[in-house]
N, C-alpha and C. Protein backbone atom coordinates (compact mmCIF):
# COMPACT_ATOMS: atom_id res chain seq x y z
N MET A 1 66.64 93.82 99.66
CA MET A 1 66.36 94.60 101.08
C MET A 1 66.11 93.35 102.04
N LYS A 2 65.01 92.48 101.36
CA LYS A 2 65.01 91.13 102.13
C LYS A 2 66.11 90.16 102.57
N LYS A 3 66.99 89.87 101.44
CA LYS A 3 68.14 89.83 101.86
C LYS A 3 68.99 89.98 102.52
N THR A 4 68.95 91.45 102.97
CA THR A 4 69.79 92.32 103.89
C THR A 4 69.11 92.10 105.20
N ILE A 5 67.93 92.01 105.17
CA ILE A 5 67.10 91.84 106.25
C ILE A 5 67.57 90.30 107.16
N ILE A 6 67.56 89.42 106.12
CA ILE A 6 67.82 88.17 106.66
C ILE A 6 69.26 87.90 107.07
N ALA A 7 70.29 88.46 106.30
CA ALA A 7 71.45 88.59 106.68
C ALA A 7 71.64 89.26 108.13
N ILE A 8 70.93 90.05 108.09
CA ILE A 8 71.51 90.91 109.66
C ILE A 8 70.98 90.27 110.55
N SER A 9 69.90 89.54 110.43
CA SER A 9 69.14 88.51 111.34
C SER A 9 70.20 87.61 111.62
N LEU A 10 70.61 87.09 110.80
CA LEU A 10 71.41 85.69 110.97
C LEU A 10 72.92 86.39 111.98
N PHE A 11 73.28 87.43 111.51
CA PHE A 11 74.64 87.98 111.64
C PHE A 11 74.28 88.14 113.52
N THR A 12 73.03 88.74 113.64
CA THR A 12 72.98 89.09 115.09
C THR A 12 72.54 88.03 116.12
N ALA A 13 72.05 86.76 115.36
CA ALA A 13 71.89 85.63 116.10
C ALA A 13 73.49 85.04 116.59
N THR A 14 74.03 85.36 115.67
CA THR A 14 75.23 84.48 115.69
C THR A 14 76.47 85.06 116.73
N VAL A 15 76.31 86.38 116.51
CA VAL A 15 76.58 87.31 117.72
C VAL A 15 76.36 87.04 119.43
N THR A 16 75.09 86.84 119.09
CA THR A 16 74.45 86.67 120.45
C THR A 16 74.81 85.29 121.14
N ALA A 17 74.98 84.43 119.93
CA ALA A 17 74.98 82.95 120.62
C ALA A 17 76.48 82.69 120.67
N ASN A 18 77.23 83.61 120.46
CA ASN A 18 78.66 82.96 120.45
C ASN A 18 79.42 84.16 121.24
N ALA A 19 78.32 85.16 122.05
CA ALA A 19 79.54 86.13 122.94
C ALA A 19 80.38 85.75 123.75
N GLN A 20 80.14 84.70 124.12
CA GLN A 20 80.93 84.25 125.21
C GLN A 20 81.71 82.96 124.99
N HIS A 21 81.86 82.80 123.60
CA HIS A 21 82.69 81.70 123.12
C HIS A 21 84.11 82.25 123.17
N ALA A 22 84.86 81.20 123.21
CA ALA A 22 86.52 81.19 122.93
C ALA A 22 86.98 82.01 121.39
N ASP A 23 88.06 82.70 121.57
CA ASP A 23 88.36 83.22 120.41
C ASP A 23 90.00 82.60 119.87
N HIS A 24 90.43 83.23 118.74
CA HIS A 24 91.78 82.62 118.24
C HIS A 24 93.03 82.38 119.23
N ALA A 25 92.67 83.39 120.23
CA ALA A 25 93.66 83.09 121.45
C ALA A 25 94.08 81.90 122.16
N SER A 26 92.82 81.36 122.44
CA SER A 26 92.76 79.89 123.06
C SER A 26 93.10 78.79 122.16
N MET A 27 93.40 79.07 121.20
CA MET A 27 93.67 78.07 120.16
C MET A 27 95.40 77.86 119.82
N LYS A 28 95.88 78.92 120.81
CA LYS A 28 97.52 79.22 120.59
C LYS A 28 97.73 77.76 120.99
N ASN A 29 98.90 77.30 120.19
CA ASN A 29 99.78 76.12 120.35
C ASN A 29 100.86 76.36 120.66
N ASN A 30 101.19 75.23 121.63
CA ASN A 30 102.94 75.23 122.14
C ASN A 30 104.39 75.56 121.34
N SER A 31 104.84 76.64 121.70
CA SER A 31 105.91 76.71 120.63
C SER A 31 107.18 76.69 121.04
N SER A 32 107.18 75.54 122.17
CA SER A 32 108.41 75.46 122.91
C SER A 32 109.37 74.60 122.04
N THR A 33 110.47 74.32 122.50
CA THR A 33 111.38 73.59 121.41
C THR A 33 111.10 72.13 121.20
N GLU A 34 110.23 71.52 122.46
CA GLU A 34 109.72 70.29 122.24
C GLU A 34 109.06 70.03 121.12
N VAL A 35 107.92 71.15 121.01
CA VAL A 35 107.07 70.83 119.86
C VAL A 35 107.55 70.90 118.75
N ALA A 36 108.96 72.15 118.45
CA ALA A 36 109.41 72.37 117.09
C ALA A 36 110.23 71.31 116.74
N VAL A 37 110.86 70.46 117.65
CA VAL A 37 111.73 69.08 117.44
C VAL A 37 110.65 68.10 116.81
N LEU A 38 109.51 68.35 117.51
CA LEU A 38 108.23 67.34 117.06
C LEU A 38 108.04 67.07 115.79
N MET A 39 107.64 68.62 115.43
CA MET A 39 107.12 68.71 113.96
C MET A 39 107.94 68.70 112.86
N LYS A 40 109.12 68.31 113.33
CA LYS A 40 110.58 67.99 112.30
C LYS A 40 110.43 66.36 112.22
N ASN A 41 109.69 65.28 112.74
CA ASN A 41 110.11 64.32 112.91
C ASN A 41 108.97 63.86 111.47
N PRO A 42 109.64 63.26 110.51
CA PRO A 42 108.76 62.78 109.15
C PRO A 42 107.58 62.15 109.65
N LYS A 43 107.20 61.14 110.38
CA LYS A 43 106.12 60.48 110.55
C LYS A 43 105.13 61.38 111.28
N VAL A 44 105.53 62.34 111.96
CA VAL A 44 104.54 63.24 112.49
C VAL A 44 104.07 64.44 111.32
N GLN A 45 105.07 64.73 110.37
CA GLN A 45 104.62 65.85 109.45
C GLN A 45 104.01 64.88 108.54
N GLU A 46 103.79 63.54 108.24
CA GLU A 46 102.84 62.83 107.58
C GLU A 46 101.66 62.93 108.06
N LEU A 47 101.41 62.56 109.35
CA LEU A 47 99.86 62.89 110.25
C LEU A 47 99.49 64.24 109.79
N ASN A 48 100.51 65.12 110.11
CA ASN A 48 100.28 66.71 110.00
C ASN A 48 99.52 67.13 108.63
N ALA A 49 100.28 66.42 107.20
CA ALA A 49 99.72 66.62 105.97
C ALA A 49 98.39 66.00 106.03
N ALA A 50 98.07 64.89 106.69
CA ALA A 50 96.84 63.90 106.24
C ALA A 50 95.90 64.73 106.96
N MET A 51 96.20 65.32 108.09
CA MET A 51 95.27 65.98 108.99
C MET A 51 94.68 67.32 107.90
N LYS A 52 95.64 68.10 107.44
CA LYS A 52 95.54 69.49 106.90
C LYS A 52 94.56 68.71 105.60
N ASP A 53 94.83 67.69 105.06
CA ASP A 53 94.17 67.68 103.69
C ASP A 53 92.66 67.19 104.01
N LEU A 54 92.47 66.53 105.13
CA LEU A 54 90.96 66.44 105.96
C LEU A 54 90.31 67.30 106.01
N TRP A 55 91.00 68.67 106.86
CA TRP A 55 90.56 69.55 107.17
C TRP A 55 90.00 70.58 106.06
N ASN A 56 91.38 70.79 105.46
CA ASN A 56 91.06 71.48 104.17
C ASN A 56 89.88 71.17 103.00
N ALA A 57 89.89 70.03 103.06
CA ALA A 57 88.62 69.54 102.47
C ALA A 57 86.99 69.54 103.13
N HIS A 58 87.29 69.69 104.27
CA HIS A 58 86.17 69.66 105.39
C HIS A 58 85.35 71.46 104.70
N MET A 59 87.09 72.40 105.21
CA MET A 59 86.23 73.74 104.79
C MET A 59 85.77 73.70 103.44
N TYR A 60 86.33 73.28 102.12
CA TYR A 60 86.07 73.31 100.80
C TYR A 60 84.63 72.86 100.71
N TRP A 61 84.57 71.60 100.72
CA TRP A 61 83.02 71.12 100.54
C TRP A 61 82.04 71.83 101.53
N THR A 62 82.22 72.16 102.39
CA THR A 62 81.24 73.00 103.30
C THR A 62 81.16 74.64 102.70
N LEU A 63 82.00 75.00 101.95
CA LEU A 63 82.07 76.23 101.09
C LEU A 63 81.18 75.89 99.80
N ILE A 64 81.48 75.32 99.55
CA ILE A 64 80.66 74.75 97.80
C ILE A 64 79.02 74.73 98.36
N THR A 65 78.77 73.46 99.67
CA THR A 65 77.76 73.25 99.85
C THR A 65 76.83 74.20 100.01
N VAL A 66 77.34 75.36 101.28
CA VAL A 66 76.71 76.43 101.53
C VAL A 66 76.27 77.68 100.24
N ASP A 67 76.95 77.61 99.29
CA ASP A 67 76.71 78.53 98.33
C ASP A 67 75.76 77.31 97.31
N ALA A 68 76.27 76.17 97.13
CA ALA A 68 74.79 75.14 96.35
C ALA A 68 73.14 75.18 97.27
N TYR A 69 73.59 75.32 98.05
CA TYR A 69 72.08 75.54 99.29
C TYR A 69 71.51 76.92 98.80
N TYR A 70 71.86 77.99 98.37
CA TYR A 70 71.40 79.06 97.84
C TYR A 70 71.31 79.42 96.58
N ASN A 71 72.37 78.98 95.62
CA ASN A 71 72.61 79.38 94.58
C ASN A 71 72.73 78.10 93.82
N ASP A 72 72.74 77.04 94.02
CA ASP A 72 72.92 75.81 92.71
C ASP A 72 71.73 74.53 93.14
N PRO A 73 70.94 74.53 93.45
CA PRO A 73 70.01 73.38 94.06
C PRO A 73 69.67 72.22 93.37
N LYS A 74 70.45 72.21 91.70
CA LYS A 74 70.37 71.03 91.48
C LYS A 74 71.34 69.97 91.74
N GLY A 75 72.82 70.79 92.25
CA GLY A 75 73.94 70.37 92.66
C GLY A 75 74.15 70.12 94.03
N LEU A 76 73.09 70.30 94.72
CA LEU A 76 73.36 70.49 96.59
C LEU A 76 73.37 69.18 96.74
N SER A 77 72.42 68.00 96.36
CA SER A 77 72.54 66.86 97.12
C SER A 77 74.12 66.12 96.65
N ALA A 78 74.48 66.39 95.49
CA ALA A 78 76.05 65.71 95.32
C ALA A 78 76.92 66.50 96.17
N LYS A 79 77.25 67.43 96.29
CA LYS A 79 77.84 68.35 97.04
C LYS A 79 77.90 67.83 98.28
N LEU A 80 76.79 68.04 98.84
CA LEU A 80 76.64 67.45 100.60
C LEU A 80 76.77 66.61 100.70
N ASN A 81 76.65 65.09 99.95
CA ASN A 81 77.16 63.87 100.27
C ASN A 81 78.55 63.69 100.20
N ARG A 82 78.91 64.48 99.21
CA ARG A 82 80.75 64.46 99.10
C ARG A 82 81.07 65.06 100.70
N LEU A 83 80.54 66.14 101.35
CA LEU A 83 80.85 66.84 102.58
C LEU A 83 80.57 65.67 103.46
N LEU A 84 79.55 65.02 103.68
CA LEU A 84 79.02 64.15 104.47
C LEU A 84 80.26 63.03 104.53
N GLN A 85 80.84 62.74 103.30
CA GLN A 85 81.49 61.57 103.30
C GLN A 85 82.90 62.24 103.64
N ASN A 86 83.59 63.14 103.91
CA ASN A 86 84.41 63.82 104.50
C ASN A 86 84.42 63.87 106.43
N GLN A 87 83.26 63.88 106.62
CA GLN A 87 82.94 63.55 108.30
C GLN A 87 83.49 62.11 108.50
N LYS A 88 82.96 61.04 108.07
CA LYS A 88 83.68 59.80 107.90
C LYS A 88 84.88 59.58 108.17
N ASP A 89 85.83 60.45 106.90
CA ASP A 89 87.23 60.32 106.73
C ASP A 89 88.03 60.87 107.58
N ILE A 90 87.36 61.95 108.40
CA ILE A 90 87.86 62.58 109.43
C ILE A 90 88.01 61.32 110.45
N GLY A 91 86.57 60.97 110.96
CA GLY A 91 86.54 59.93 111.95
C GLY A 91 87.49 58.81 111.96
N ALA A 92 87.76 58.28 110.74
CA ALA A 92 88.27 57.21 110.30
C ALA A 92 90.04 57.43 110.31
N ALA A 93 90.23 58.61 110.71
CA ALA A 93 91.77 59.50 110.78
C ALA A 93 92.28 58.93 112.20
N ILE A 94 91.66 58.91 112.92
CA ILE A 94 91.86 58.80 114.18
C ILE A 94 91.64 57.32 114.97
N VAL A 95 91.50 56.45 114.03
CA VAL A 95 91.00 55.02 114.43
C VAL A 95 92.67 54.00 114.85
N PRO A 96 93.55 54.64 113.90
CA PRO A 96 94.42 53.80 114.67
C PRO A 96 95.21 54.46 115.78
N TYR A 97 94.65 55.30 116.52
CA TYR A 97 95.47 55.88 117.82
C TYR A 97 94.08 55.31 118.84
N TYR A 98 93.18 55.74 118.54
CA TYR A 98 91.79 55.64 119.55
C TYR A 98 90.76 54.79 119.32
N GLY A 99 91.03 53.69 118.16
CA GLY A 99 90.19 52.90 117.85
C GLY A 99 88.74 53.02 117.32
N GLN A 100 88.30 51.86 116.55
CA GLN A 100 87.03 51.87 115.64
C GLN A 100 86.23 52.54 116.32
N ALA A 101 85.59 52.36 117.60
CA ALA A 101 84.41 52.82 118.12
C ALA A 101 84.57 54.45 118.22
N ALA A 102 85.78 54.89 118.69
CA ALA A 102 86.37 56.13 118.62
C ALA A 102 86.20 57.00 117.37
N GLY A 103 86.53 56.42 116.31
CA GLY A 103 86.53 56.79 114.87
C GLY A 103 85.14 57.32 114.53
N ASP A 104 84.39 56.17 115.16
CA ASP A 104 82.77 56.26 114.47
C ASP A 104 82.44 56.97 115.07
N GLN A 105 82.56 57.34 116.36
CA GLN A 105 81.85 58.58 117.22
C GLN A 105 82.13 59.70 116.80
N LEU A 106 83.42 60.05 116.60
CA LEU A 106 83.73 61.41 115.70
C LEU A 106 83.12 61.65 114.47
N GLY A 107 82.86 60.13 113.79
CA GLY A 107 82.19 60.78 112.42
C GLY A 107 80.90 60.90 112.47
N LYS A 108 80.55 60.31 113.45
CA LYS A 108 78.93 60.39 114.03
C LYS A 108 78.60 62.03 114.52
N LEU A 109 79.51 62.50 115.19
CA LEU A 109 79.48 63.80 115.71
C LEU A 109 79.66 64.84 114.82
N LEU A 110 80.46 64.71 113.82
CA LEU A 110 80.99 65.46 112.63
C LEU A 110 79.62 65.75 111.69
N THR A 111 79.18 64.53 111.77
CA THR A 111 78.06 64.32 110.46
C THR A 111 76.82 65.06 110.99
N GLU A 112 76.74 64.91 112.60
CA GLU A 112 75.41 65.71 112.94
C GLU A 112 76.04 67.56 112.90
N HIS A 113 77.17 67.61 112.92
CA HIS A 113 77.70 69.12 112.36
C HIS A 113 77.13 69.61 111.24
N ILE A 114 77.11 68.55 110.40
CA ILE A 114 76.79 69.17 108.74
C ILE A 114 75.30 68.98 108.65
N GLN A 115 74.42 68.15 109.61
CA GLN A 115 73.00 68.10 109.39
C GLN A 115 72.80 69.19 110.35
N LEU A 116 73.06 69.98 111.26
CA LEU A 116 72.54 70.89 112.16
C LEU A 116 72.92 71.98 111.21
N ALA A 117 73.53 72.20 110.61
CA ALA A 117 73.81 73.38 109.68
C ALA A 117 72.85 73.80 108.64
N VAL A 118 71.91 72.62 107.94
CA VAL A 118 70.68 72.85 107.11
C VAL A 118 69.94 73.60 107.80
N PRO A 119 69.62 73.51 109.07
CA PRO A 119 68.13 74.36 109.70
C PRO A 119 69.02 75.68 109.72
N VAL A 120 70.00 75.82 110.13
CA VAL A 120 70.50 77.60 110.03
C VAL A 120 70.57 78.27 108.60
N LEU A 121 70.89 77.26 107.76
CA LEU A 121 70.95 78.00 106.42
C LEU A 121 69.09 78.12 105.67
N LYS A 122 68.31 76.82 106.43
CA LYS A 122 66.85 77.07 105.97
C LYS A 122 66.42 78.41 106.50
N ALA A 123 66.72 78.51 107.96
CA ALA A 123 66.03 79.32 108.92
C ALA A 123 66.14 80.58 107.92
N ALA A 124 67.75 80.98 108.05
CA ALA A 124 68.32 82.01 107.28
C ALA A 124 67.30 82.73 105.90
N LYS A 125 67.43 81.83 105.10
CA LYS A 125 66.77 81.80 103.85
C LYS A 125 65.23 81.97 103.94
N GLU A 126 64.55 81.79 104.95
CA GLU A 126 63.25 82.10 105.09
C GLU A 126 62.63 83.22 105.85
N ASN A 127 64.51 83.89 106.26
CA ASN A 127 63.88 84.85 107.39
C ASN A 127 63.02 84.49 108.54
N ASN A 128 63.38 83.34 109.13
CA ASN A 128 62.31 82.86 110.38
C ASN A 128 63.19 83.16 111.69
N LYS A 129 63.22 84.29 112.11
CA LYS A 129 64.04 84.57 113.37
C LYS A 129 63.99 83.48 114.34
N GLU A 130 63.08 82.89 115.00
CA GLU A 130 62.58 82.02 115.86
C GLU A 130 63.23 80.63 115.41
N ALA A 131 63.21 80.36 114.37
CA ALA A 131 63.82 79.05 113.77
C ALA A 131 65.25 79.21 113.93
N LEU A 132 65.85 80.35 113.69
CA LEU A 132 67.10 80.78 113.14
C LEU A 132 68.04 80.91 114.73
N ASP A 133 67.22 81.30 115.52
CA ASP A 133 67.90 81.36 117.07
C ASP A 133 68.01 79.95 117.41
N LYS A 134 67.05 79.00 117.29
CA LYS A 134 66.99 77.77 117.73
C LYS A 134 68.36 76.75 116.98
N ALA A 135 68.38 77.02 115.88
CA ALA A 135 69.07 76.23 115.07
C ALA A 135 70.74 76.59 115.27
N VAL A 136 70.70 77.74 115.44
CA VAL A 136 72.22 78.38 115.34
C VAL A 136 72.56 77.96 117.22
N LYS A 137 71.82 77.94 118.16
CA LYS A 137 71.77 77.28 119.38
C LYS A 137 72.26 75.47 119.22
N ASP A 138 71.43 74.99 118.27
CA ASP A 138 71.50 73.56 118.53
C ASP A 138 72.88 73.33 117.76
N TRP A 139 73.29 74.45 116.85
CA TRP A 139 74.61 73.88 115.89
C TRP A 139 75.98 74.29 117.14
N TYR A 140 75.67 75.11 117.65
CA TYR A 140 76.57 75.36 118.77
C TYR A 140 76.82 74.27 119.91
N ALA A 141 75.95 73.67 120.41
CA ALA A 141 75.88 72.85 121.21
C ALA A 141 76.64 71.48 120.81
N ASN A 142 76.40 71.25 119.71
CA ASN A 142 76.99 70.19 119.19
C ASN A 142 78.50 70.38 118.70
N ALA A 143 78.97 71.58 118.45
CA ALA A 143 80.27 71.99 118.47
C ALA A 143 81.13 71.31 119.92
N LYS A 144 80.07 71.86 120.89
CA LYS A 144 80.86 71.70 122.37
C LYS A 144 80.78 70.23 122.76
N ASP A 145 79.70 69.26 121.92
CA ASP A 145 79.88 68.13 121.96
C ASP A 145 81.16 67.50 121.43
N ILE A 146 81.64 67.93 120.18
CA ILE A 146 82.63 67.26 119.75
C ILE A 146 83.83 67.46 120.40
N GLY A 147 84.02 69.09 120.86
CA GLY A 147 84.91 69.54 121.76
C GLY A 147 85.52 69.05 122.79
N SER A 148 84.31 68.41 123.45
CA SER A 148 84.24 67.60 124.78
C SER A 148 84.89 66.04 124.66
N PHE A 149 84.30 65.49 123.42
CA PHE A 149 84.75 64.00 122.79
C PHE A 149 86.39 64.10 122.97
N LEU A 150 86.84 65.08 122.21
CA LEU A 150 88.20 65.53 121.78
C LEU A 150 89.00 65.40 122.77
N ALA A 151 88.57 66.35 123.75
CA ALA A 151 89.31 66.53 125.31
C ALA A 151 89.20 65.26 126.16
N SER A 152 88.04 64.59 125.81
CA SER A 152 88.02 63.17 126.83
C SER A 152 88.67 62.26 126.22
N ALA A 153 89.10 61.98 124.97
CA ALA A 153 90.33 61.10 123.87
C ALA A 153 92.12 61.61 124.56
N ASN A 154 91.96 62.82 124.83
CA ASN A 154 93.32 63.20 124.87
C ASN A 154 93.41 64.28 125.83
N PRO A 155 93.35 63.93 127.53
CA PRO A 155 93.16 65.20 127.75
C PRO A 155 94.05 65.87 128.72
N LYS A 156 95.26 65.20 128.65
CA LYS A 156 96.66 65.97 128.71
C LYS A 156 97.05 67.14 127.32
N ASN A 157 96.60 66.68 126.87
CA ASN A 157 97.05 67.60 125.23
C ASN A 157 95.95 68.39 124.71
N TRP A 158 94.74 68.03 125.20
CA TRP A 158 93.56 68.58 124.31
C TRP A 158 92.54 69.27 125.36
N THR A 159 92.62 70.30 126.13
CA THR A 159 91.51 70.72 127.10
C THR A 159 90.20 71.15 126.40
N ALA A 160 89.19 70.63 127.16
CA ALA A 160 87.88 71.19 126.41
C ALA A 160 87.48 72.41 126.39
N LYS A 161 88.28 73.42 127.02
CA LYS A 161 88.18 74.72 126.54
C LYS A 161 88.44 75.02 125.25
N ASP A 162 90.05 74.77 124.98
CA ASP A 162 90.29 74.91 123.58
C ASP A 162 89.89 74.08 122.47
N THR A 163 89.21 72.87 122.82
CA THR A 163 88.73 71.90 121.51
C THR A 163 87.06 72.46 121.53
N GLN A 164 86.54 72.75 122.44
CA GLN A 164 85.19 73.44 122.07
C GLN A 164 85.13 74.97 121.54
N GLY A 165 86.30 75.39 122.25
CA GLY A 165 86.53 76.74 121.37
C GLY A 165 87.00 77.18 120.07
N ALA A 166 87.50 75.82 119.80
CA ALA A 166 87.85 76.13 118.57
C ALA A 166 86.65 75.74 117.27
N LEU A 167 85.94 74.67 117.60
CA LEU A 167 84.73 74.32 116.78
C LEU A 167 83.83 75.27 116.97
N GLU A 168 83.82 75.76 117.94
CA GLU A 168 82.38 77.26 117.82
C GLU A 168 83.21 78.36 117.17
N MET A 169 84.39 78.62 117.15
CA MET A 169 84.79 79.16 116.09
C MET A 169 84.68 79.08 115.02
N HIS A 170 84.97 77.62 114.53
CA HIS A 170 84.67 77.38 113.27
C HIS A 170 83.18 77.82 112.73
N ILE A 171 82.40 77.43 113.32
CA ILE A 171 80.89 77.69 113.34
C ILE A 171 80.39 79.37 113.06
N THR A 172 81.46 79.82 114.00
CA THR A 172 81.13 81.53 113.66
C THR A 172 81.37 82.10 112.44
N HIS A 173 82.86 81.55 112.43
CA HIS A 173 83.39 81.66 110.89
C HIS A 173 82.41 81.07 109.61
N THR A 174 81.82 79.93 109.93
CA THR A 174 81.20 79.50 108.71
C THR A 174 79.75 80.58 108.32
N ILE A 175 79.35 80.79 109.72
CA ILE A 175 78.10 81.72 109.62
C ILE A 175 78.44 83.15 108.82
N ALA A 176 79.58 83.67 109.18
CA ALA A 176 80.02 85.25 108.86
C ALA A 176 80.06 84.63 107.32
N TYR A 177 80.69 84.00 106.65
CA TYR A 177 80.98 83.97 105.18
C TYR A 177 79.46 83.53 104.65
N SER A 178 78.72 82.64 105.48
CA SER A 178 77.17 82.32 104.93
C SER A 178 76.46 83.42 104.56
N VAL A 179 76.52 84.28 105.45
CA VAL A 179 76.10 85.46 105.49
C VAL A 179 76.39 86.32 104.17
N SER A 180 77.56 86.16 104.09
CA SER A 180 78.37 87.21 102.62
C SER A 180 77.62 86.89 101.36
N ILE A 181 77.65 84.89 101.10
CA ILE A 181 76.91 84.42 100.16
C ILE A 181 75.60 84.81 100.09
N LEU A 182 74.81 84.72 100.92
CA LEU A 182 73.59 84.79 101.04
C LEU A 182 72.85 86.40 100.74
N LYS A 183 73.78 87.36 101.01
CA LYS A 183 73.92 88.55 100.42
C LYS A 183 74.28 88.39 98.87
N GLY A 184 75.03 88.02 98.72
CA GLY A 184 75.88 88.18 97.20
C GLY A 184 77.00 88.39 97.29
N ASP A 185 77.58 89.08 98.34
CA ASP A 185 78.55 89.58 98.45
C ASP A 185 79.72 88.86 98.36
N TYR A 186 80.46 88.24 97.15
CA TYR A 186 81.27 87.04 97.40
C TYR A 186 82.76 87.58 97.54
N THR A 187 82.93 88.74 97.28
CA THR A 187 84.28 89.70 97.87
C THR A 187 84.36 89.09 99.36
N GLN A 188 83.15 89.58 99.83
CA GLN A 188 83.48 89.56 101.11
C GLN A 188 83.59 88.03 101.89
N SER A 189 82.37 87.09 101.19
CA SER A 189 82.68 85.70 101.42
C SER A 189 83.92 85.14 101.29
N PHE A 190 84.89 85.42 100.19
CA PHE A 190 86.28 85.20 100.00
C PHE A 190 87.06 85.54 101.50
N GLY A 191 87.01 86.26 101.81
CA GLY A 191 87.61 86.94 102.67
C GLY A 191 87.58 86.02 103.92
N GLY A 192 86.00 86.08 104.35
CA GLY A 192 85.68 85.44 105.20
C GLY A 192 85.99 84.15 105.46
N PHE A 193 86.04 83.14 104.39
CA PHE A 193 86.15 81.92 103.95
C PHE A 193 87.95 81.44 104.38
N GLU A 194 88.91 82.48 103.87
CA GLU A 194 89.99 82.24 104.34
C GLU A 194 90.46 82.22 105.51
N GLU A 195 89.95 83.26 106.03
CA GLU A 195 89.93 83.37 107.86
C GLU A 195 89.54 81.99 108.17
N ALA A 196 88.54 81.40 108.04
CA ALA A 196 87.96 80.26 108.45
C ALA A 196 88.96 79.14 108.04
N LEU A 197 89.50 78.99 106.96
CA LEU A 197 90.24 78.23 106.08
C LEU A 197 91.63 78.20 107.46
N HIS A 198 91.97 79.16 107.74
CA HIS A 198 93.42 79.52 108.61
C HIS A 198 93.23 79.19 109.94
N HIS A 199 92.03 78.96 110.25
CA HIS A 199 91.61 78.63 112.00
C HIS A 199 91.95 77.21 111.63
N MET A 200 91.27 76.48 110.49
CA MET A 200 90.69 74.66 110.60
C MET A 200 92.63 74.17 110.51
N VAL A 201 93.30 74.91 109.55
CA VAL A 201 94.53 74.76 109.67
C VAL A 201 95.25 74.31 110.90
N HIS A 202 95.26 75.44 111.75
CA HIS A 202 96.13 75.78 113.17
C HIS A 202 94.95 74.13 114.08
N LEU A 203 93.87 74.06 113.73
CA LEU A 203 93.37 73.12 114.51
C LEU A 203 94.08 71.86 114.06
N ALA A 204 94.26 71.62 112.68
CA ALA A 204 94.93 70.21 112.40
C ALA A 204 96.19 70.24 112.86
N ASP A 205 97.20 71.67 113.26
CA ASP A 205 98.55 71.48 113.81
C ASP A 205 98.04 70.65 114.76
N ILE A 206 97.00 71.48 115.65
CA ILE A 206 96.69 71.28 117.41
C ILE A 206 96.75 69.77 117.53
N LEU A 207 95.89 69.18 116.29
CA LEU A 207 95.65 67.58 116.77
C LEU A 207 96.62 67.01 116.69
N THR A 208 97.37 67.04 115.42
CA THR A 208 98.61 66.63 115.36
C THR A 208 99.46 66.56 116.23
N GLU A 209 99.64 67.60 116.77
CA GLU A 209 100.68 67.47 118.14
C GLU A 209 100.15 66.94 119.19
N GLY A 210 99.19 66.64 119.57
CA GLY A 210 98.03 66.10 120.57
C GLY A 210 98.30 64.50 120.41
N ILE A 211 98.06 64.07 119.16
CA ILE A 211 98.16 62.89 119.01
C ILE A 211 99.84 62.28 118.89
N ALA A 212 100.69 63.05 118.41
CA ALA A 212 102.10 62.77 118.51
C ALA A 212 102.59 62.69 120.08
N LYS A 213 101.82 63.43 120.40
CA LYS A 213 102.66 63.73 122.24
C LYS A 213 102.11 62.54 122.91
N GLN A 214 100.57 62.08 122.57
CA GLN A 214 100.02 61.09 123.44
C GLN A 214 100.59 59.47 123.21
N PHE A 215 101.02 59.41 121.74
CA PHE A 215 101.57 58.19 121.17
C PHE A 215 102.40 58.22 120.92
N PRO A 216 103.97 58.76 121.48
CA PRO A 216 105.15 58.83 120.92
C PRO A 216 105.50 57.72 120.37
N GLU A 217 105.46 56.30 120.85
CA GLU A 217 105.93 55.36 120.17
C GLU A 217 105.41 55.11 118.48
N LYS A 218 104.21 55.27 118.13
CA LYS A 218 103.89 55.34 116.82
C LYS A 218 104.87 56.03 116.04
N PHE A 219 105.43 56.85 116.37
CA PHE A 219 106.12 57.86 115.72
C PHE A 219 107.89 57.73 116.04
N LYS A 220 108.26 56.45 116.52
CA LYS A 220 109.32 56.77 116.06
C LYS A 220 110.01 55.88 115.07
């Protein structure tokens, strides 16, 4: 019963905090002939594969870290450290296009993204509604910061609305399957994770397209 109460509190906080955020519709990528041709470029495909690997890893290590937080305390530190390394790896991936400072900044923001998840999980586990509401709010604020950073780096191809909405939706998905893990409903958590993974693969496509359009000379 207590886990159910915690899960309901977390879900309610999520819905309230995310009520005005963008949905998948805001992430629709351009299906024009130009984009279709662009994505057939071998160098663009190589970038896309690398982006998907990074964001797939982000999702995988997030999932097992959340599960470890609730169910495997001995394994938590190692899994969390690996997840944090992934954030540096994602930052490093944009260095060839935006420079070291930008890569470091993205890595920093993504590291904060992971660190800010911990108070959410902790408050949920302790059924602390006040702490939970604050933690969820802070987590969404970080998503907005990441989205703003990406939009500022490539304003012609990544709008703040789309990038912020994408990162906010990622948090919504993460909280949803975390609720299922907390409840011990693993069947439900698998479905939630797969939806979250699909969303992030789509984000990898959008990031790839944006970089290829902004730096066409690097893909000749």
